[in-house]
Amino acid sequence: MARYIIRRLLWSVLLLVIVSWVVFMLFYVFPSADPAQLRAGRQANEDQIQAIRESLGLDKSIFTQFWIYIKGVFTPLDLPGTDSTGPLYFGRSYQSNADVKDVIFSDLPATALLVFGAVIVWMAVAIPTGIISAIRQRSLLDRSTMITTLVFISAPVFWLGLVALYLFAQDVGVFPIFPGIGSYSEADDFIGRVASMLLPWAVLAAATAAIYARYLRSQMIDVMQEDYIRTARAKGLPERSVIGKHVLRSAITPIVTLLGLDVAVLLAGNAILTETVFNIPGIGAETFNAIKRSDLPMIQGITLFGAFFIVTLNLVVDVAYAYLDPRVRYQ
């Protein structure tokens, strides 16, 4: 297991370098706004734009820029007397001149609270729903549940967010129950921030819970047809034990893969629609603003940060497989 983890970690470093290079090349190959021009403003002359370009290092070749960037990200220590700016130095924003790492870490708590709260909600809904539908398949409850989940899967996230605000937000809602737009930024304590996330959690979790419930139902129905399940029932094991210890444990293994990928992608900024609708200052909103401004260091830093989450959680999922499914072993 240790050799497997070390090998995966080394491959992860190589993957992060490749991702960084791809993002660099995308900005050079495809047309985009000149960052120096954007920072200088419309009234700046060519000399001012050139001075800004030199100060940002944009006058250097792409290979030199990339090498400087990689040294900052992967240098283990910020050693005195050297030009090292590591570790995890993603550069400075072309627009605000702020350290990209500081901006990411300042936005991360809002995104993390949104994502992990939504995970708890959608797992709390999806697992019981999937189990009940699998046990009582083709019943009225099963059919109504599957129709409801299909509705939530089909509904766009931004539409669900707007409907939720119209119905339940304290500022514009028909039934003013929950905090509305911008309430996260206005909250001055943790309890207030949790309260401001109740609607975003429900919106972000709705479609995902529906997907998980349908997938878990399908997996459990397949597992219940296996020979070892028939054997467990033939031995006289209680149905609760058969479902909980045998069927669910085998069926939930693919769910772990989905969960790891979904959490990583959401932490990487894929909750952008939910953050935009509810005006949550998170990674997704920062990504959207950076793309509009052609802020390469910010985009690069967020992309690498997201890739790190995806690689790390994939490794955690692979290790968890060995526990959930004894048939899985890593050499």
C-alpha atoms as a PDB file:
ATOM      1  CA  MET A   1       0.000   0.000   0.000  1.00  0.00           C
ATOM      2  CA  ALA A   2       2.813   2.437   0.893  1.00  0.00           C
ATOM      3  CA  ARG A   3       4.543   1.888  -2.459  1.00  0.00           C
ATOM      4  CA  TYR A   4       1.241   2.430  -4.251  1.00  0.00           C
ATOM      5  CA  ILE A   5       0.624   5.746  -2.442  1.00  0.00           C
ATOM      6  CA  ILE A   6       4.166   7.002  -3.116  1.00  0.00           C
ATOM      7  CA  ARG A   7       3.869   6.097  -6.800  1.00  0.00           C
ATOM      8  CA  ARG A   8       0.529   7.912  -7.023  1.00  0.00           C
ATOM      9  CA  LEU A   9       1.972  10.989  -5.323  1.00  0.00           C
ATOM     10  CA  LEU A  10       4.867  11.167  -7.805  1.00  0.00           C
ATOM     11  CA  TRP A  11       2.459  10.860 -10.717  1.00  0.00           C
ATOM     12  CA  SER A  12       0.327  13.568  -9.127  1.00  0.00           C
ATOM     13  CA  VAL A  13       3.219  16.044  -9.182  1.00  0.00           C
ATOM     14  CA  LEU A  14       3.811  15.297 -12.869  1.00  0.00           C
ATOM     15  CA  LEU A  15       0.091  15.729 -13.572  1.00  0.00           C
ATOM     16  CA  LEU A  16       0.041  19.139 -11.880  1.00  0.00           C
ATOM     17  CA  VAL A  17       2.986  20.291 -14.014  1.00  0.00           C
ATOM     18  CA  ILE A  18       1.201  19.121 -17.183  1.00  0.00           C
ATOM     19  CA  VAL A  19      -2.009  20.894 -16.150  1.00  0.00           C
ATOM     20  CA  SER A  20      -0.068  24.086 -15.514  1.00  0.00           C
ATOM     21  CA  TRP A  21       1.599  23.885 -18.928  1.00  0.00           C
ATOM     22  CA  VAL A  22      -1.715  23.291 -20.693  1.00  0.00           C
ATOM     23  CA  VAL A  23      -3.249  26.397 -19.090  1.00  0.00           C
ATOM     24  CA  PHE A  24      -0.209  28.444 -20.111  1.00  0.00           C
ATOM     25  CA  MET A  25      -0.451  27.241 -23.692  1.00  0.00           C
ATOM     26  CA  LEU A  26      -4.185  27.926 -23.884  1.00  0.00           C
ATOM     27  CA  PHE A  27      -3.569  31.584 -23.105  1.00  0.00           C
ATOM     28  CA  TYR A  28      -0.859  31.841 -25.729  1.00  0.00           C
ATOM     29  CA  VAL A  29      -2.561  29.852 -28.503  1.00  0.00           C
ATOM     30  CA  PHE A  30      -6.097  31.201 -28.218  1.00  0.00           C
ATOM     31  CA  PRO A  31      -6.909  34.904 -28.541  1.00  0.00           C
ATOM     32  CA  SER A  32      -7.365  36.724 -25.242  1.00  0.00           C
ATOM     33  CA  ALA A  33      -7.118  40.250 -23.939  1.00  0.00           C
ATOM     34  CA  ASP A  34      -3.685  41.694 -23.197  1.00  0.00           C
ATOM     35  CA  PRO A  35      -3.289  41.625 -19.363  1.00  0.00           C
ATOM     36  CA  ALA A  36      -0.972  44.637 -19.502  1.00  0.00           C
ATOM     37  CA  GLN A  37      -3.562  46.597 -21.491  1.00  0.00           C
ATOM     38  CA  LEU A  38      -6.320  45.651 -19.059  1.00  0.00           C
ATOM     39  CA  ARG A  39      -4.261  46.745 -16.094  1.00  0.00           C
ATOM     40  CA  ALA A  40      -3.103  49.981 -17.704  1.00  0.00           C
ATOM     41  CA  GLY A  41      -6.595  51.093 -18.703  1.00  0.00           C
ATOM     42  CA  ARG A  42      -7.978  52.557 -21.905  1.00  0.00           C
ATOM     43  CA  GLN A  43      -6.120  55.868 -21.655  1.00  0.00           C
ATOM     44  CA  ALA A  44      -2.614  54.405 -21.274  1.00  0.00           C
ATOM     45  CA  ASN A  45      -0.044  54.921 -23.996  1.00  0.00           C
ATOM     46  CA  GLU A  46       2.217  52.260 -25.466  1.00  0.00           C
ATOM     47  CA  ASP A  47       5.178  53.107 -23.188  1.00  0.00           C
ATOM     48  CA  GLN A  48       3.057  52.634 -20.078  1.00  0.00           C
ATOM     49  CA  ILE A  49       1.693  49.337 -21.393  1.00  0.00           C
ATOM     50  CA  GLN A  50       5.214  48.127 -22.182  1.00  0.00           C
ATOM     51  CA  ALA A  51       6.422  49.092 -18.701  1.00  0.00           C
ATOM     52  CA  ILE A  52       3.594  47.113 -17.122  1.00  0.00           C
ATOM     53  CA  ARG A  53       4.318  44.181 -19.426  1.00  0.00           C
ATOM     54  CA  GLU A  54       7.947  44.163 -18.269  1.00  0.00           C
ATOM     55  CA  SER A  55       6.976  44.458 -14.588  1.00  0.00           C
ATOM     56  CA  LEU A  56       4.662  41.459 -14.938  1.00  0.00           C
ATOM     57  CA  GLY A  57       7.292  39.445 -16.794  1.00  0.00           C
ATOM     58  CA  LEU A  58       5.147  39.201 -19.912  1.00  0.00           C
ATOM     59  CA  ASP A  59       8.023  40.278 -22.130  1.00  0.00           C
ATOM     60  CA  LYS A  60       9.874  37.017 -21.424  1.00  0.00           C
ATOM     61  CA  SER A  61       9.422  33.853 -23.464  1.00  0.00           C
ATOM     62  CA  ILE A  62       6.705  31.425 -22.468  1.00  0.00           C
ATOM     63  CA  PHE A  63       9.296  28.846 -21.404  1.00  0.00           C
ATOM     64  CA  THR A  64      11.000  31.355 -19.081  1.00  0.00           C
ATOM     65  CA  GLN A  65       7.658  32.422 -17.606  1.00  0.00           C
ATOM     66  CA  PHE A  66       6.657  28.811 -17.094  1.00  0.00           C
ATOM     67  CA  TRP A  67       9.964  27.896 -15.443  1.00  0.00           C
ATOM     68  CA  ILE A  68       9.720  30.827 -13.024  1.00  0.00           C
ATOM     69  CA  TYR A  69       6.164  29.829 -12.207  1.00  0.00           C
ATOM     70  CA  ILE A  70       6.963  26.151 -11.604  1.00  0.00           C
ATOM     71  CA  LYS A  71       9.882  27.059  -9.321  1.00  0.00           C
ATOM     72  CA  GLY A  72       7.551  29.169  -7.212  1.00  0.00           C
ATOM     73  CA  VAL A  73       4.935  26.444  -6.943  1.00  0.00           C
ATOM     74  CA  PHE A  74       7.113  23.430  -6.235  1.00  0.00           C
ATOM     75  CA  THR A  75      10.154  24.876  -4.412  1.00  0.00           C
ATOM     76  CA  PRO A  76      10.014  23.167  -1.012  1.00  0.00           C
ATOM     77  CA  LEU A  77      11.169  26.139   1.033  1.00  0.00           C
ATOM     78  CA  ASP A  78      11.529  29.893   0.686  1.00  0.00           C
ATOM     79  CA  LEU A  79      15.291  29.887   1.179  1.00  0.00           C
ATOM     80  CA  PRO A  80      17.046  33.121   2.246  1.00  0.00           C
ATOM     81  CA  GLY A  81      19.480  34.530  -0.275  1.00  0.00           C
ATOM     82  CA  THR A  82      17.843  32.814  -3.258  1.00  0.00           C
ATOM     83  CA  ASP A  83      15.198  33.781  -5.785  1.00  0.00           C
ATOM     84  CA  SER A  84      12.879  31.097  -4.414  1.00  0.00           C
ATOM     85  CA  THR A  85       9.353  32.259  -3.727  1.00  0.00           C
ATOM     86  CA  GLY A  86       7.939  28.870  -2.721  1.00  0.00           C
ATOM     87  CA  PRO A  87       6.206  26.988  -1.534  1.00  0.00           C
ATOM     88  CA  LEU A  88       2.900  27.238  -3.418  1.00  0.00           C
ATOM     89  CA  TYR A  89       3.669  30.629  -4.896  1.00  0.00           C
ATOM     90  CA  PHE A  90       1.208  31.044  -7.772  1.00  0.00           C
ATOM     91  CA  GLY A  91       2.322  34.561  -8.660  1.00  0.00           C
ATOM     92  CA  ARG A  92       0.467  37.848  -8.251  1.00  0.00           C
ATOM     93  CA  SER A  93      -2.781  38.870  -9.837  1.00  0.00           C
ATOM     94  CA  TYR A  94      -2.390  40.946 -12.999  1.00  0.00           C
ATOM     95  CA  GLN A  95      -5.289  43.141 -11.887  1.00  0.00           C
ATOM     96  CA  SER A  96      -5.024  43.631  -8.129  1.00  0.00           C
ATOM     97  CA  ASN A  97      -1.352  42.672  -7.631  1.00  0.00           C
ATOM     98  CA  ALA A  98      -2.514  40.499  -4.723  1.00  0.00           C
ATOM     99  CA  ASP A  99      -0.778  37.212  -3.966  1.00  0.00           C
ATOM    100  CA  VAL A 100      -2.850  34.520  -5.708  1.00  0.00           C
ATOM    101  CA  LYS A 101      -2.320  32.067  -2.861  1.00  0.00           C
ATOM    102  CA  ASP A 102      -3.679  34.568  -0.345  1.00  0.00           C
ATOM    103  CA  VAL A 103      -6.746  35.229  -2.517  1.00  0.00           C
ATOM    104  CA  ILE A 104      -7.442  31.496  -2.899  1.00  0.00           C
ATOM    105  CA  PHE A 105      -7.094  30.840   0.831  1.00  0.00           C
ATOM    106  CA  SER A 106      -9.337  33.785   1.648  1.00  0.00           C
ATOM    107  CA  ASP A 107     -12.059  32.505  -0.732  1.00  0.00           C
ATOM    108  CA  LEU A 108     -11.682  28.834   0.169  1.00  0.00           C
ATOM    109  CA  PRO A 109     -13.634  28.894   3.496  1.00  0.00           C
ATOM    110  CA  ALA A 110     -16.821  30.092   1.791  1.00  0.00           C
ATOM    111  CA  THR A 111     -16.560  27.422  -0.925  1.00  0.00           C
ATOM    112  CA  ALA A 112     -15.623  24.710   1.580  1.00  0.00           C
ATOM    113  CA  LEU A 113     -18.602  25.556   3.807  1.00  0.00           C
ATOM    114  CA  LEU A 114     -20.904  25.510   0.777  1.00  0.00           C
ATOM    115  CA  VAL A 115     -19.559  22.227  -0.593  1.00  0.00           C
ATOM    116  CA  PHE A 116     -19.290  20.174   2.599  1.00  0.00           C
ATOM    117  CA  GLY A 117     -22.660  21.363   3.852  1.00  0.00           C
ATOM    118  CA  ALA A 118     -24.221  20.386   0.527  1.00  0.00           C
ATOM    119  CA  VAL A 119     -22.473  16.993   0.688  1.00  0.00           C
ATOM    120  CA  ILE A 120     -24.053  16.275   4.066  1.00  0.00           C
ATOM    121  CA  VAL A 121     -27.473  17.276   2.743  1.00  0.00           C
ATOM    122  CA  TRP A 122     -27.339  15.279  -0.474  1.00  0.00           C
ATOM    123  CA  MET A 123     -25.920  12.142   1.175  1.00  0.00           C
ATOM    124  CA  ALA A 124     -28.510  12.340   3.970  1.00  0.00           C
ATOM    125  CA  VAL A 125     -31.231  12.465   1.322  1.00  0.00           C
ATOM    126  CA  ALA A 126     -29.767  10.204  -1.366  1.00  0.00           C
ATOM    127  CA  ILE A 127     -28.809   7.151   0.704  1.00  0.00           C
ATOM    128  CA  PRO A 128     -32.193   6.568   2.436  1.00  0.00           C
ATOM    129  CA  THR A 129     -34.035   7.382  -0.787  1.00  0.00           C
ATOM    130  CA  GLY A 130     -31.937   4.967  -2.838  1.00  0.00           C
ATOM    131  CA  ILE A 131     -32.262   2.182  -0.238  1.00  0.00           C
ATOM    132  CA  ILE A 132     -36.038   2.511   0.098  1.00  0.00           C
ATOM    133  CA  SER A 133     -36.538   2.655  -3.672  1.00  0.00           C
ATOM    134  CA  ALA A 134     -34.378  -0.442  -4.183  1.00  0.00           C
ATOM    135  CA  ILE A 135     -36.150  -2.437  -1.492  1.00  0.00           C
ATOM    136  CA  ARG A 136     -39.612  -1.410  -2.652  1.00  0.00           C
ATOM    137  CA  GLN A 137     -38.934  -1.306  -6.369  1.00  0.00           C
ATOM    138  CA  ARG A 138     -41.895  -0.801  -8.706  1.00  0.00           C
ATOM    139  CA  SER A 139     -44.065   0.361  -5.814  1.00  0.00           C
ATOM    140  CA  LEU A 140     -45.933   3.658  -5.826  1.00  0.00           C
ATOM    141  CA  LEU A 141     -43.313   5.121  -3.485  1.00  0.00           C
ATOM    142  CA  ASP A 142     -40.499   3.998  -5.785  1.00  0.00           C
ATOM    143  CA  ARG A 143     -42.129   5.432  -8.897  1.00  0.00           C
ATOM    144  CA  SER A 144     -42.960   8.767  -7.269  1.00  0.00           C
ATOM    145  CA  THR A 145     -39.442   9.034  -5.877  1.00  0.00           C
ATOM    146  CA  MET A 146     -37.827   8.360  -9.234  1.00  0.00           C
ATOM    147  CA  ILE A 147     -40.082  10.899 -10.963  1.00  0.00           C
ATOM    148  CA  THR A 148     -39.163  13.513  -8.352  1.00  0.00           C
ATOM    149  CA  THR A 149     -35.450  12.825  -8.732  1.00  0.00           C
ATOM    150  CA  LEU A 150     -35.763  13.112 -12.515  1.00  0.00           C
ATOM    151  CA  VAL A 151     -37.314  16.566 -12.102  1.00  0.00           C
ATOM    152  CA  PHE A 152     -34.434  17.762  -9.917  1.00  0.00           C
ATOM    153  CA  ILE A 153     -31.828  16.297 -12.273  1.00  0.00           C
ATOM    154  CA  SER A 154     -33.408  18.125 -15.215  1.00  0.00           C
ATOM    155  CA  ALA A 155     -33.690  21.502 -13.457  1.00  0.00           C
ATOM    156  CA  PRO A 156     -30.685  23.862 -13.973  1.00  0.00           C
ATOM    157  CA  VAL A 157     -28.926  24.918 -10.794  1.00  0.00           C
ATOM    158  CA  PHE A 158     -29.288  28.636 -11.467  1.00  0.00           C
ATOM    159  CA  TRP A 159     -33.047  28.185 -12.038  1.00  0.00           C
ATOM    160  CA  LEU A 160     -33.432  26.282  -8.770  1.00  0.00           C
ATOM    161  CA  GLY A 161     -31.496  29.036  -7.005  1.00  0.00           C
ATOM    162  CA  LEU A 162     -33.696  31.786  -8.380  1.00  0.00           C
ATOM    163  CA  VAL A 163     -36.869  29.870  -7.525  1.00  0.00           C
ATOM    164  CA  ALA A 164     -35.585  29.210  -4.002  1.00  0.00           C
ATOM    165  CA  LEU A 165     -34.837  32.908  -3.535  1.00  0.00           C
ATOM    166  CA  TYR A 166     -38.245  33.918  -4.889  1.00  0.00           C
ATOM    167  CA  LEU A 167     -40.022  31.533  -2.532  1.00  0.00           C
ATOM    168  CA  PHE A 168     -37.992  31.556   0.688  1.00  0.00           C
ATOM    169  CA  ALA A 169     -35.471  34.439   0.825  1.00  0.00           C
ATOM    170  CA  GLN A 170     -36.015  36.980   3.607  1.00  0.00           C
ATOM    171  CA  ASP A 171     -35.386  39.935   1.311  1.00  0.00           C
ATOM    172  CA  VAL A 172     -37.472  39.044  -1.771  1.00  0.00           C
ATOM    173  CA  GLY A 173     -39.229  35.760  -0.945  1.00  0.00           C
ATOM    174  CA  VAL A 174     -42.927  35.055  -0.852  1.00  0.00           C
ATOM    175  CA  PHE A 175     -42.307  33.111   2.368  1.00  0.00           C
ATOM    176  CA  PRO A 176     -39.393  35.001   4.010  1.00  0.00           C
ATOM    177  CA  ILE A 177     -37.814  32.167   5.981  1.00  0.00           C
ATOM    178  CA  PHE A 178     -34.113  31.929   5.066  1.00  0.00           C
ATOM    179  CA  PRO A 179     -31.373  34.559   4.569  1.00  0.00           C
ATOM    180  CA  GLY A 180     -31.183  35.766   0.964  1.00  0.00           C
ATOM    181  CA  ILE A 181     -28.625  37.104  -1.511  1.00  0.00           C
ATOM    182  CA  GLY A 182     -25.354  38.355  -0.034  1.00  0.00           C
ATOM    183  CA  SER A 183     -26.175  37.171   3.486  1.00  0.00           C
ATOM    184  CA  TYR A 184     -22.888  35.253   3.760  1.00  0.00           C
ATOM    185  CA  SER A 185     -20.810  38.428   3.369  1.00  0.00           C
ATOM    186  CA  GLU A 186     -23.030  40.258   5.838  1.00  0.00           C
ATOM    187  CA  ALA A 187     -22.754  37.578   8.548  1.00  0.00           C
ATOM    188  CA  ASP A 188     -20.206  38.369  11.244  1.00  0.00           C
ATOM    189  CA  ASP A 189     -20.049  34.979  12.997  1.00  0.00           C
ATOM    190  CA  PHE A 190     -20.018  31.284  12.118  1.00  0.00           C
ATOM    191  CA  ILE A 191     -23.661  30.707  13.071  1.00  0.00           C
ATOM    192  CA  GLY A 192     -24.755  33.518  10.778  1.00  0.00           C
ATOM    193  CA  ARG A 193     -22.705  32.109   7.914  1.00  0.00           C
ATOM    194  CA  VAL A 194     -24.178  28.647   8.414  1.00  0.00           C
ATOM    195  CA  ALA A 195     -27.681  30.143   8.371  1.00  0.00           C
ATOM    196  CA  SER A 196     -26.855  32.009   5.148  1.00  0.00           C
ATOM    197  CA  MET A 197     -25.901  28.682   3.524  1.00  0.00           C
ATOM    198  CA  LEU A 198     -29.188  26.868   4.135  1.00  0.00           C
ATOM    199  CA  LEU A 199     -30.711  27.806   0.780  1.00  0.00           C
ATOM    200  CA  PRO A 200     -27.456  27.362  -1.205  1.00  0.00           C
ATOM    201  CA  TRP A 201     -26.981  23.926   0.384  1.00  0.00           C
ATOM    202  CA  ALA A 202     -30.460  22.849  -0.652  1.00  0.00           C
ATOM    203  CA  VAL A 203     -30.022  24.139  -4.205  1.00  0.00           C
ATOM    204  CA  LEU A 204     -26.559  22.650  -4.735  1.00  0.00           C
ATOM    205  CA  ALA A 205     -27.581  19.329  -3.172  1.00  0.00           C
ATOM    206  CA  ALA A 206     -30.888  18.915  -5.024  1.00  0.00           C
ATOM    207  CA  ALA A 207     -29.681  17.653  -8.389  1.00  0.00           C
ATOM    208  CA  THR A 208     -26.731  15.719  -6.949  1.00  0.00           C
ATOM    209  CA  ALA A 209     -28.878  13.944  -4.357  1.00  0.00           C
ATOM    210  CA  ALA A 210     -31.244  12.907  -7.127  1.00  0.00           C
ATOM    211  CA  ILE A 211     -28.379  11.451  -9.184  1.00  0.00           C
ATOM    212  CA  TYR A 212     -26.953   9.562  -6.202  1.00  0.00           C
ATOM    213  CA  ALA A 213     -30.342   8.164  -5.196  1.00  0.00           C
ATOM    214  CA  ARG A 214     -31.011   6.789  -8.675  1.00  0.00           C
ATOM    215  CA  TYR A 215     -27.492   5.392  -8.978  1.00  0.00           C
ATOM    216  CA  LEU A 216     -27.597   3.742  -5.539  1.00  0.00           C
ATOM    217  CA  ARG A 217     -30.976   2.212  -6.325  1.00  0.00           C
ATOM    218  CA  SER A 218     -29.640   0.738  -9.561  1.00  0.00           C
ATOM    219  CA  GLN A 219     -26.514  -0.628  -7.868  1.00  0.00           C
ATOM    220  CA  MET A 220     -28.469  -2.203  -5.008  1.00  0.00           C
ATOM    221  CA  ILE A 221     -30.920  -3.890  -7.391  1.00  0.00           C
ATOM    222  CA  ASP A 222     -27.987  -5.430  -9.278  1.00  0.00           C
ATOM    223  CA  VAL A 223     -26.263  -6.573  -6.071  1.00  0.00           C
ATOM    224  CA  MET A 224     -29.452  -8.154  -4.719  1.00  0.00           C
ATOM    225  CA  GLN A 225     -29.390 -10.526  -7.691  1.00  0.00           C
ATOM    226  CA  GLU A 226     -25.949 -11.895  -6.763  1.00  0.00           C
ATOM    227  CA  ASP A 227     -25.557 -15.465  -5.537  1.00  0.00           C
ATOM    228  CA  TYR A 228     -23.948 -14.531  -2.235  1.00  0.00           C
ATOM    229  CA  ILE A 229     -26.994 -12.420  -1.334  1.00  0.00           C
ATOM    230  CA  ARG A 230     -29.255 -15.402  -1.965  1.00  0.00           C
ATOM    231  CA  THR A 231     -26.906 -17.495   0.180  1.00  0.00           C
ATOM    232  CA  ALA A 232     -27.032 -14.961   3.016  1.00  0.00           C
ATOM    233  CA  ARG A 233     -30.825 -15.042   2.957  1.00  0.00           C
ATOM    234  CA  ALA A 234     -30.848 -18.843   2.753  1.00  0.00           C
ATOM    235  CA  LYS A 235     -28.764 -18.980   5.938  1.00  0.00           C
ATOM    236  CA  GLY A 236     -31.546 -17.147   7.732  1.00  0.00           C
ATOM    237  CA  LEU A 237     -29.844 -13.775   8.199  1.00  0.00           C
ATOM    238  CA  PRO A 238     -32.285 -10.974   9.039  1.00  0.00           C
ATOM    239  CA  GLU A 239     -33.230  -8.835   6.039  1.00  0.00           C
ATOM    240  CA  ARG A 240     -31.883  -5.747   7.807  1.00  0.00           C
ATOM    241  CA  SER A 241     -28.485  -7.426   8.115  1.00  0.00           C
ATOM    242  CA  VAL A 242     -28.531  -8.616   4.493  1.00  0.00           C
ATOM    243  CA  ILE A 243     -29.305  -5.124   3.212  1.00  0.00           C
ATOM    244  CA  GLY A 244     -26.986  -3.213   5.554  1.00  0.00           C
ATOM    245  CA  LYS A 245     -23.922  -5.457   5.749  1.00  0.00           C
ATOM    246  CA  HIS A 246     -23.931  -7.076   2.329  1.00  0.00           C
ATOM    247  CA  VAL A 247     -26.016  -5.261  -0.269  1.00  0.00           C
ATOM    248  CA  LEU A 248     -25.356  -1.671   0.774  1.00  0.00           C
ATOM    249  CA  ARG A 249     -21.646  -2.178   1.403  1.00  0.00           C
ATOM    250  CA  SER A 250     -21.115  -3.560  -2.094  1.00  0.00           C
ATOM    251  CA  ALA A 251     -23.445  -1.108  -3.822  1.00  0.00           C
ATOM    252  CA  ILE A 252     -22.040   1.990  -2.164  1.00  0.00           C
ATOM    253  CA  THR A 253     -18.471   1.472  -3.437  1.00  0.00           C
ATOM    254  CA  PRO A 254     -19.103   3.243  -6.794  1.00  0.00           C
ATOM    255  CA  ILE A 255     -20.816   6.039  -4.849  1.00  0.00           C
ATOM    256  CA  VAL A 256     -17.521   6.701  -3.085  1.00  0.00           C
ATOM    257  CA  THR A 257     -15.886   7.335  -6.460  1.00  0.00           C
ATOM    258  CA  LEU A 258     -18.616   9.777  -7.448  1.00  0.00           C
ATOM    259  CA  LEU A 259     -18.411  11.531  -4.098  1.00  0.00           C
ATOM    260  CA  GLY A 260     -14.658  12.007  -4.286  1.00  0.00           C
ATOM    261  CA  LEU A 261     -14.809  13.452  -7.800  1.00  0.00           C
ATOM    262  CA  ASP A 262     -17.823  15.665  -7.083  1.00  0.00           C
ATOM    263  CA  VAL A 263     -16.332  17.154  -3.913  1.00  0.00           C
ATOM    264  CA  ALA A 264     -13.012  17.815  -5.641  1.00  0.00           C
ATOM    265  CA  VAL A 265     -14.626  19.452  -8.671  1.00  0.00           C
ATOM    266  CA  LEU A 266     -16.881  21.622  -6.512  1.00  0.00           C
ATOM    267  CA  LEU A 267     -13.961  22.745  -4.355  1.00  0.00           C
ATOM    268  CA  ALA A 268     -12.102  23.572  -7.569  1.00  0.00           C
ATOM    269  CA  GLY A 269     -14.736  26.154  -8.445  1.00  0.00           C
ATOM    270  CA  ASN A 270     -17.498  24.169 -10.119  1.00  0.00           C
ATOM    271  CA  ALA A 271     -20.043  25.624  -7.666  1.00  0.00           C
ATOM    272  CA  ILE A 272     -19.777  28.847  -9.652  1.00  0.00           C
ATOM    273  CA  LEU A 273     -23.500  29.034 -10.514  1.00  0.00           C
ATOM    274  CA  THR A 274     -24.616  28.612  -6.912  1.00  0.00           C
ATOM    275  CA  GLU A 275     -22.039  31.123  -5.690  1.00  0.00           C
ATOM    276  CA  THR A 276     -23.087  33.614  -8.358  1.00  0.00           C
ATOM    277  CA  VAL A 277     -26.830  33.330  -7.681  1.00  0.00           C
ATOM    278  CA  PHE A 278     -26.407  33.736  -3.912  1.00  0.00           C
ATOM    279  CA  ASN A 279     -23.478  36.179  -4.166  1.00  0.00           C
ATOM    280  CA  ILE A 280     -21.104  33.961  -2.181  1.00  0.00           C
ATOM    281  CA  PRO A 281     -17.457  35.142  -2.359  1.00  0.00           C
ATOM    282  CA  GLY A 282     -15.923  31.748  -3.115  1.00  0.00           C
ATOM    283  CA  ILE A 283     -13.514  30.081  -5.517  1.00  0.00           C
ATOM    284  CA  GLY A 284     -16.107  29.804  -8.286  1.00  0.00           C
ATOM    285  CA  ALA A 285     -16.934  33.519  -8.259  1.00  0.00           C
ATOM    286  CA  GLU A 286     -13.219  34.350  -8.232  1.00  0.00           C
ATOM    287  CA  THR A 287     -12.665  32.066 -11.225  1.00  0.00           C
ATOM    288  CA  PHE A 288     -15.415  33.794 -13.175  1.00  0.00           C
ATOM    289  CA  ASN A 289     -13.941  37.235 -12.467  1.00  0.00           C
ATOM    290  CA  ALA A 290     -10.416  36.093 -13.358  1.00  0.00           C
ATOM    291  CA  ILE A 291     -11.581  34.727 -16.719  1.00  0.00           C
ATOM    292  CA  LYS A 292     -13.312  38.005 -17.531  1.00  0.00           C
ATOM    293  CA  ARG A 293     -10.127  39.943 -16.751  1.00  0.00           C
ATOM    294  CA  SER A 294      -7.723  37.480 -18.472  1.00  0.00           C
ATOM    295  CA  ASP A 295      -5.930  37.212 -15.134  1.00  0.00           C
ATOM    296  CA  LEU A 296      -3.613  34.306 -15.976  1.00  0.00           C
ATOM    297  CA  PRO A 297      -1.913  33.908 -12.556  1.00  0.00           C
ATOM    298  CA  MET A 298      -5.295  33.737 -10.823  1.00  0.00           C
ATOM    299  CA  ILE A 299      -6.692  31.227 -13.323  1.00  0.00           C
ATOM    300  CA  GLN A 300      -3.504  29.198 -13.192  1.00  0.00           C
ATOM    301  CA  GLY A 301      -3.465  29.122  -9.414  1.00  0.00           C
ATOM    302  CA  ILE A 302      -7.111  28.130  -9.092  1.00  0.00           C
ATOM    303  CA  THR A 303      -6.702  25.461 -11.786  1.00  0.00           C
ATOM    304  CA  LEU A 304      -3.699  23.925 -10.058  1.00  0.00           C
ATOM    305  CA  PHE A 305      -5.445  24.138  -6.711  1.00  0.00           C
ATOM    306  CA  GLY A 306      -8.440  22.337  -8.193  1.00  0.00           C
ATOM    307  CA  ALA A 307      -6.232  19.700  -9.808  1.00  0.00           C
ATOM    308  CA  PHE A 308      -4.606  19.116  -6.430  1.00  0.00           C
ATOM    309  CA  PHE A 309      -8.010  18.499  -4.842  1.00  0.00           C
ATOM    310  CA  ILE A 310      -9.021  16.098  -7.604  1.00  0.00           C
ATOM    311  CA  VAL A 311      -5.777  14.112  -7.446  1.00  0.00           C
ATOM    312  CA  THR A 312      -5.769  13.973  -3.640  1.00  0.00           C
ATOM    313  CA  LEU A 313      -9.394  12.899  -3.277  1.00  0.00           C
ATOM    314  CA  ASN A 314      -8.936  10.298  -6.026  1.00  0.00           C
ATOM    315  CA  LEU A 315      -6.112   8.825  -3.970  1.00  0.00           C
ATOM    316  CA  VAL A 316      -8.288   8.853  -0.843  1.00  0.00           C
ATOM    317  CA  VAL A 317     -11.060   7.099  -2.776  1.00  0.00           C
ATOM    318  CA  ASP A 318      -8.695   4.415  -4.069  1.00  0.00           C
ATOM    319  CA  VAL A 319      -7.460   3.707  -0.541  1.00  0.00           C
ATOM    320  CA  ALA A 320     -11.026   3.644   0.780  1.00  0.00           C
ATOM    321  CA  TYR A 321     -11.861   0.966  -1.797  1.00  0.00           C
ATOM    322  CA  ALA A 322      -9.652  -1.532   0.011  1.00  0.00           C
ATOM    323  CA  TYR A 323     -11.682  -1.028   3.168  1.00  0.00           C
ATOM    324  CA  LEU A 324     -15.133  -1.061   1.565  1.00  0.00           C
ATOM    325  CA  ASP A 325     -14.418  -3.959  -0.783  1.00  0.00           C
ATOM    326  CA  PRO A 326     -12.021  -6.629   0.566  1.00  0.00           C
ATOM    327  CA  ARG A 327     -11.556  -7.925  -2.981  1.00  0.00           C
ATOM    328  CA  VAL A 328      -9.604  -4.777  -3.848  1.00  0.00           C
ATOM    329  CA  ARG A 329      -5.896  -4.884  -3.072  1.00  0.00           C
ATOM    330  CA  TYR A 330      -3.093  -2.553  -4.146  1.00  0.00           C
ATOM    331  CA  GLN A 331       0.410  -3.790  -4.780  1.00  0.00           C
END
